[in-house]
């Protein structure tokens, strides 16, 4: 498994910064049925209560909640498809290892998608939420320490290179290749 150097990661910043601002594309849809399991989906159902149907978000719970329940502001994890391609060293089969459900070719920066921004994907609508999405031990194991430092750097935080969290505000069907539009 190839892990990129800091220099190789930084060389990809220009490509990431060229991500669309308004009209993106859902490049990959991944369900996590159990810990460390991934299912790449062509079509998925987003639900107000369950998030991505069949995903373990609701049953897994969250340490950020005092009662250990799932955090509604972390129902979905979204990563920019361009940074996923970069840290996966061009191997699209490795994107899913990031642990996110939606990989979108769209500028996820605070400037472009502040918390509260809504996105239409297929017949569903999601809303970007405030909690940060940071690199962790699993991210390091899968993509390397340099990748984690890169996504958690000052520029990484500004561009939300590790991704953003979201919640479903209108249930609906989403498909790989769907347009992603700010509303």
C-alpha atoms as a PDB file:
ATOM      1  CA  UNK A   1       0.000   0.000   0.000  1.00  0.00           C
ATOM      2  CA  UNK A   2       1.642   3.246  -1.137  1.00  0.00           C
ATOM      3  CA  UNK A   3       1.556   6.197   1.248  1.00  0.00           C
ATOM      4  CA  UNK A   4       2.363   9.569  -0.280  1.00  0.00           C
ATOM      5  CA  UNK A   5       4.973  11.973   1.049  1.00  0.00           C
ATOM      6  CA  UNK A   6       4.104  15.483   2.206  1.00  0.00           C
ATOM      7  CA  UNK A   7       5.576  16.840  -1.039  1.00  0.00           C
ATOM      8  CA  UNK A   8       3.422  14.507  -3.154  1.00  0.00           C
ATOM      9  CA  UNK A   9       0.317  15.472  -1.180  1.00  0.00           C
ATOM     10  CA  UNK A  10       1.032  19.207  -1.444  1.00  0.00           C
ATOM     11  CA  UNK A  11       1.535  18.820  -5.202  1.00  0.00           C
ATOM     12  CA  UNK A  12      -2.152  17.812  -5.428  1.00  0.00           C
ATOM     13  CA  UNK A  13      -3.513  20.986  -3.792  1.00  0.00           C
ATOM     14  CA  UNK A  14      -4.047  22.876  -7.062  1.00  0.00           C
ATOM     15  CA  UNK A  15      -6.225  20.054  -8.418  1.00  0.00           C
ATOM     16  CA  UNK A  16      -8.254  19.957  -5.183  1.00  0.00           C
ATOM     17  CA  UNK A  17      -8.731  23.738  -5.232  1.00  0.00           C
ATOM     18  CA  UNK A  18     -10.271  23.412  -8.716  1.00  0.00           C
ATOM     19  CA  UNK A  19     -13.203  21.398  -7.346  1.00  0.00           C
ATOM     20  CA  UNK A  20     -16.567  22.781  -8.507  1.00  0.00           C
ATOM     21  CA  UNK A  21     -18.155  25.378  -6.218  1.00  0.00           C
ATOM     22  CA  UNK A  22     -21.823  24.783  -7.028  1.00  0.00           C
ATOM     23  CA  UNK A  23     -22.428  21.813  -9.301  1.00  0.00           C
ATOM     24  CA  UNK A  24     -20.607  18.724  -8.108  1.00  0.00           C
ATOM     25  CA  UNK A  25     -20.973  15.008  -8.729  1.00  0.00           C
ATOM     26  CA  UNK A  26     -21.447  12.082  -6.351  1.00  0.00           C
ATOM     27  CA  UNK A  27     -18.474   9.955  -7.413  1.00  0.00           C
ATOM     28  CA  UNK A  28     -18.720   7.137  -4.850  1.00  0.00           C
ATOM     29  CA  UNK A  29     -21.374   5.922  -2.405  1.00  0.00           C
ATOM     30  CA  UNK A  30     -20.282   3.601   0.413  1.00  0.00           C
ATOM     31  CA  UNK A  31     -22.309   1.887   3.114  1.00  0.00           C
ATOM     32  CA  UNK A  32     -20.638   0.635   6.297  1.00  0.00           C
ATOM     33  CA  UNK A  33     -22.806  -2.291   7.471  1.00  0.00           C
ATOM     34  CA  UNK A  34     -20.433  -3.164  10.341  1.00  0.00           C
ATOM     35  CA  UNK A  35     -17.113  -1.947  11.704  1.00  0.00           C
ATOM     36  CA  UNK A  36     -14.358  -2.240   9.076  1.00  0.00           C
ATOM     37  CA  UNK A  37     -16.841  -3.436   6.430  1.00  0.00           C
ATOM     38  CA  UNK A  38     -17.631  -1.470   3.275  1.00  0.00           C
ATOM     39  CA  UNK A  39     -20.193  -1.912   0.514  1.00  0.00           C
ATOM     40  CA  UNK A  40     -19.891   0.230  -2.592  1.00  0.00           C
ATOM     41  CA  UNK A  41     -23.403   1.070  -3.788  1.00  0.00           C
ATOM     42  CA  UNK A  42     -24.710   2.243  -7.129  1.00  0.00           C
ATOM     43  CA  UNK A  43     -27.910   3.461  -5.428  1.00  0.00           C
ATOM     44  CA  UNK A  44     -28.690   4.302  -1.811  1.00  0.00           C
ATOM     45  CA  UNK A  45     -31.555   5.574   0.276  1.00  0.00           C
ATOM     46  CA  UNK A  46     -31.026   8.522   2.593  1.00  0.00           C
ATOM     47  CA  UNK A  47     -33.442   8.615   5.520  1.00  0.00           C
ATOM     48  CA  UNK A  48     -34.143  11.300   8.135  1.00  0.00           C
ATOM     49  CA  UNK A  49     -33.761   8.817  11.012  1.00  0.00           C
ATOM     50  CA  UNK A  50     -31.344   6.168   9.710  1.00  0.00           C
ATOM     51  CA  UNK A  51     -29.040   8.305   7.561  1.00  0.00           C
ATOM     52  CA  UNK A  52     -27.835   6.035   4.751  1.00  0.00           C
ATOM     53  CA  UNK A  53     -30.069   2.963   5.035  1.00  0.00           C
ATOM     54  CA  UNK A  54     -28.082  -0.121   5.977  1.00  0.00           C
ATOM     55  CA  UNK A  55     -25.152   1.929   7.330  1.00  0.00           C
ATOM     56  CA  UNK A  56     -24.016   1.355  10.918  1.00  0.00           C
ATOM     57  CA  UNK A  57     -24.069   5.047  11.900  1.00  0.00           C
ATOM     58  CA  UNK A  58     -27.144   4.692  14.104  1.00  0.00           C
ATOM     59  CA  UNK A  59     -26.165   1.435  15.835  1.00  0.00           C
ATOM     60  CA  UNK A  60     -22.481   2.371  16.268  1.00  0.00           C
ATOM     61  CA  UNK A  61     -23.223   5.378  18.480  1.00  0.00           C
ATOM     62  CA  UNK A  62     -20.840   8.237  19.219  1.00  0.00           C
ATOM     63  CA  UNK A  63     -18.433   9.147  21.999  1.00  0.00           C
ATOM     64  CA  UNK A  64     -19.442  12.790  21.397  1.00  0.00           C
ATOM     65  CA  UNK A  65     -22.883  12.098  22.903  1.00  0.00           C
ATOM     66  CA  UNK A  66     -23.202  11.859  26.704  1.00  0.00           C
ATOM     67  CA  UNK A  67     -25.436   8.790  26.433  1.00  0.00           C
ATOM     68  CA  UNK A  68     -23.341   7.118  23.706  1.00  0.00           C
ATOM     69  CA  UNK A  69     -26.135   7.392  21.125  1.00  0.00           C
ATOM     70  CA  UNK A  70     -25.504   8.323  17.514  1.00  0.00           C
ATOM     71  CA  UNK A  71     -24.834  12.016  16.902  1.00  0.00           C
ATOM     72  CA  UNK A  72     -27.461  13.396  14.481  1.00  0.00           C
ATOM     73  CA  UNK A  73     -24.959  16.003  13.275  1.00  0.00           C
ATOM     74  CA  UNK A  74     -22.607  13.204  12.172  1.00  0.00           C
ATOM     75  CA  UNK A  75     -25.190  11.137  10.289  1.00  0.00           C
ATOM     76  CA  UNK A  76     -23.166  11.359   7.071  1.00  0.00           C
ATOM     77  CA  UNK A  77     -19.454  11.800   6.394  1.00  0.00           C
ATOM     78  CA  UNK A  78     -18.518  13.421   3.107  1.00  0.00           C
ATOM     79  CA  UNK A  79     -15.084  13.605   1.524  1.00  0.00           C
ATOM     80  CA  UNK A  80     -13.956  15.504  -1.549  1.00  0.00           C
ATOM     81  CA  UNK A  81     -13.355  12.946  -4.295  1.00  0.00           C
ATOM     82  CA  UNK A  82     -10.162  14.703  -5.380  1.00  0.00           C
ATOM     83  CA  UNK A  83      -8.461  14.382  -1.999  1.00  0.00           C
ATOM     84  CA  UNK A  84      -9.682  10.773  -1.760  1.00  0.00           C
ATOM     85  CA  UNK A  85      -8.012  10.064  -5.107  1.00  0.00           C
ATOM     86  CA  UNK A  86      -4.839  11.768  -3.922  1.00  0.00           C
ATOM     87  CA  UNK A  87      -4.422   9.984  -0.568  1.00  0.00           C
ATOM     88  CA  UNK A  88      -5.392   6.654  -2.166  1.00  0.00           C
ATOM     89  CA  UNK A  89      -2.479   7.180  -4.598  1.00  0.00           C
ATOM     90  CA  UNK A  90      -4.852   6.989  -7.564  1.00  0.00           C
ATOM     91  CA  UNK A  91      -6.423   3.652  -6.570  1.00  0.00           C
ATOM     92  CA  UNK A  92     -10.196   4.290  -6.550  1.00  0.00           C
ATOM     93  CA  UNK A  93     -10.744   0.925  -4.820  1.00  0.00           C
ATOM     94  CA  UNK A  94      -8.998   2.373  -1.746  1.00  0.00           C
ATOM     95  CA  UNK A  95     -11.265   5.456  -1.403  1.00  0.00           C
ATOM     96  CA  UNK A  96     -13.761   3.501   0.676  1.00  0.00           C
ATOM     97  CA  UNK A  97     -11.066   2.879   3.302  1.00  0.00           C
ATOM     98  CA  UNK A  98     -11.436   6.523   4.381  1.00  0.00           C
ATOM     99  CA  UNK A  99     -14.675   5.501   6.112  1.00  0.00           C
ATOM    100  CA  UNK A 100     -16.868   8.167   4.553  1.00  0.00           C
ATOM    101  CA  UNK A 101     -20.190   7.392   2.883  1.00  0.00           C
ATOM    102  CA  UNK A 102     -20.259  10.085   0.184  1.00  0.00           C
ATOM    103  CA  UNK A 103     -17.328  11.043  -2.040  1.00  0.00           C
ATOM    104  CA  UNK A 104     -18.251  14.182  -3.928  1.00  0.00           C
ATOM    105  CA  UNK A 105     -16.376  16.251  -6.486  1.00  0.00           C
ATOM    106  CA  UNK A 106     -17.255  19.562  -4.822  1.00  0.00           C
ATOM    107  CA  UNK A 107     -15.396  22.274  -2.902  1.00  0.00           C
ATOM    108  CA  UNK A 108     -16.074  21.401   0.776  1.00  0.00           C
ATOM    109  CA  UNK A 109     -14.285  24.451   2.232  1.00  0.00           C
ATOM    110  CA  UNK A 110     -15.913  26.588   4.936  1.00  0.00           C
ATOM    111  CA  UNK A 111     -15.955  29.456   2.462  1.00  0.00           C
ATOM    112  CA  UNK A 112     -17.989  27.432  -0.036  1.00  0.00           C
ATOM    113  CA  UNK A 113     -20.044  25.155   2.253  1.00  0.00           C
ATOM    114  CA  UNK A 114     -20.425  26.664   5.729  1.00  0.00           C
ATOM    115  CA  UNK A 115     -22.465  24.732   8.288  1.00  0.00           C
ATOM    116  CA  UNK A 116     -26.150  25.057   7.406  1.00  0.00           C
ATOM    117  CA  UNK A 117     -25.593  24.846   3.644  1.00  0.00           C
ATOM    118  CA  UNK A 118     -28.001  22.425   1.993  1.00  0.00           C
ATOM    119  CA  UNK A 119     -27.176  20.157  -0.909  1.00  0.00           C
ATOM    120  CA  UNK A 120     -29.552  18.324  -3.230  1.00  0.00           C
ATOM    121  CA  UNK A 121     -28.362  14.882  -4.323  1.00  0.00           C
ATOM    122  CA  UNK A 122     -30.847  12.856  -6.353  1.00  0.00           C
ATOM    123  CA  UNK A 123     -34.188  13.250  -4.582  1.00  0.00           C
ATOM    124  CA  UNK A 124     -32.588  13.791  -1.149  1.00  0.00           C
ATOM    125  CA  UNK A 125     -31.461  16.953   0.608  1.00  0.00           C
ATOM    126  CA  UNK A 126     -28.660  17.013   3.162  1.00  0.00           C
ATOM    127  CA  UNK A 127     -27.340  19.803   5.371  1.00  0.00           C
ATOM    128  CA  UNK A 128     -23.710  20.447   6.291  1.00  0.00           C
ATOM    129  CA  UNK A 129     -23.319  20.391  10.101  1.00  0.00           C
ATOM    130  CA  UNK A 130     -20.758  22.048  12.407  1.00  0.00           C
ATOM    131  CA  UNK A 131     -18.808  19.110  13.915  1.00  0.00           C
ATOM    132  CA  UNK A 132     -15.287  18.784  12.534  1.00  0.00           C
ATOM    133  CA  UNK A 133     -14.251  15.650  10.668  1.00  0.00           C
ATOM    134  CA  UNK A 134     -10.620  14.857  11.496  1.00  0.00           C
ATOM    135  CA  UNK A 135      -8.061  12.276  10.530  1.00  0.00           C
ATOM    136  CA  UNK A 136      -7.643   9.474  13.079  1.00  0.00           C
ATOM    137  CA  UNK A 137      -5.619   6.300  13.790  1.00  0.00           C
ATOM    138  CA  UNK A 138      -7.528   4.340  11.161  1.00  0.00           C
ATOM    139  CA  UNK A 139      -6.846   7.059   8.574  1.00  0.00           C
ATOM    140  CA  UNK A 140      -3.122   6.901   9.458  1.00  0.00           C
ATOM    141  CA  UNK A 141      -3.062   3.107   9.112  1.00  0.00           C
ATOM    142  CA  UNK A 142      -4.743   3.245   5.708  1.00  0.00           C
ATOM    143  CA  UNK A 143      -3.153   6.340   4.142  1.00  0.00           C
ATOM    144  CA  UNK A 144      -0.090   7.175   6.267  1.00  0.00           C
ATOM    145  CA  UNK A 145       0.909   9.666   8.941  1.00  0.00           C
ATOM    146  CA  UNK A 146       1.829  12.298   6.337  1.00  0.00           C
ATOM    147  CA  UNK A 147      -1.704  12.136   4.884  1.00  0.00           C
ATOM    148  CA  UNK A 148      -3.245  12.635   8.327  1.00  0.00           C
ATOM    149  CA  UNK A 149      -0.952  15.593   9.051  1.00  0.00           C
ATOM    150  CA  UNK A 150      -1.822  17.006   5.624  1.00  0.00           C
ATOM    151  CA  UNK A 151      -5.608  16.828   6.054  1.00  0.00           C
ATOM    152  CA  UNK A 152      -5.335  18.208   9.614  1.00  0.00           C
ATOM    153  CA  UNK A 153      -2.937  21.035   8.643  1.00  0.00           C
ATOM    154  CA  UNK A 154      -4.042  24.669   8.551  1.00  0.00           C
ATOM    155  CA  UNK A 155      -4.795  24.495   4.804  1.00  0.00           C
ATOM    156  CA  UNK A 156      -6.303  21.036   5.270  1.00  0.00           C
ATOM    157  CA  UNK A 157      -8.733  22.405   7.861  1.00  0.00           C
ATOM    158  CA  UNK A 158      -9.611  25.437   5.692  1.00  0.00           C
ATOM    159  CA  UNK A 159     -10.415  23.215   2.719  1.00  0.00           C
ATOM    160  CA  UNK A 160     -11.964  20.429   4.854  1.00  0.00           C
ATOM    161  CA  UNK A 161      -9.653  17.928   3.217  1.00  0.00           C
ATOM    162  CA  UNK A 162     -10.663  15.242   5.713  1.00  0.00           C
ATOM    163  CA  UNK A 163     -14.269  16.043   4.880  1.00  0.00           C
ATOM    164  CA  UNK A 164     -17.398  17.385   6.488  1.00  0.00           C
ATOM    165  CA  UNK A 165     -20.311  15.998   8.459  1.00  0.00           C
ATOM    166  CA  UNK A 166     -23.928  16.284   7.380  1.00  0.00           C
ATOM    167  CA  UNK A 167     -27.443  15.183   8.241  1.00  0.00           C
ATOM    168  CA  UNK A 168     -30.396  14.225   6.068  1.00  0.00           C
ATOM    169  CA  UNK A 169     -33.163  16.875   5.938  1.00  0.00           C
ATOM    170  CA  UNK A 170     -35.215  15.285   3.136  1.00  0.00           C
ATOM    171  CA  UNK A 171     -35.250  11.535   2.557  1.00  0.00           C
ATOM    172  CA  UNK A 172     -34.632  10.319  -0.967  1.00  0.00           C
ATOM    173  CA  UNK A 173     -32.716   8.159  -3.387  1.00  0.00           C
ATOM    174  CA  UNK A 174     -29.146   8.943  -4.428  1.00  0.00           C
ATOM    175  CA  UNK A 175     -27.006   7.310  -7.119  1.00  0.00           C
ATOM    176  CA  UNK A 176     -23.380   7.363  -8.118  1.00  0.00           C
ATOM    177  CA  UNK A 177     -23.071  10.016 -10.815  1.00  0.00           C
ATOM    178  CA  UNK A 178     -25.880  12.200  -9.404  1.00  0.00           C
ATOM    179  CA  UNK A 179     -25.420  15.944  -9.573  1.00  0.00           C
ATOM    180  CA  UNK A 180     -24.778  17.630  -6.220  1.00  0.00           C
ATOM    181  CA  UNK A 181     -26.160  21.175  -6.073  1.00  0.00           C
ATOM    182  CA  UNK A 182     -26.209  23.838  -3.397  1.00  0.00           C
ATOM    183  CA  UNK A 183     -29.738  25.030  -2.643  1.00  0.00           C
END
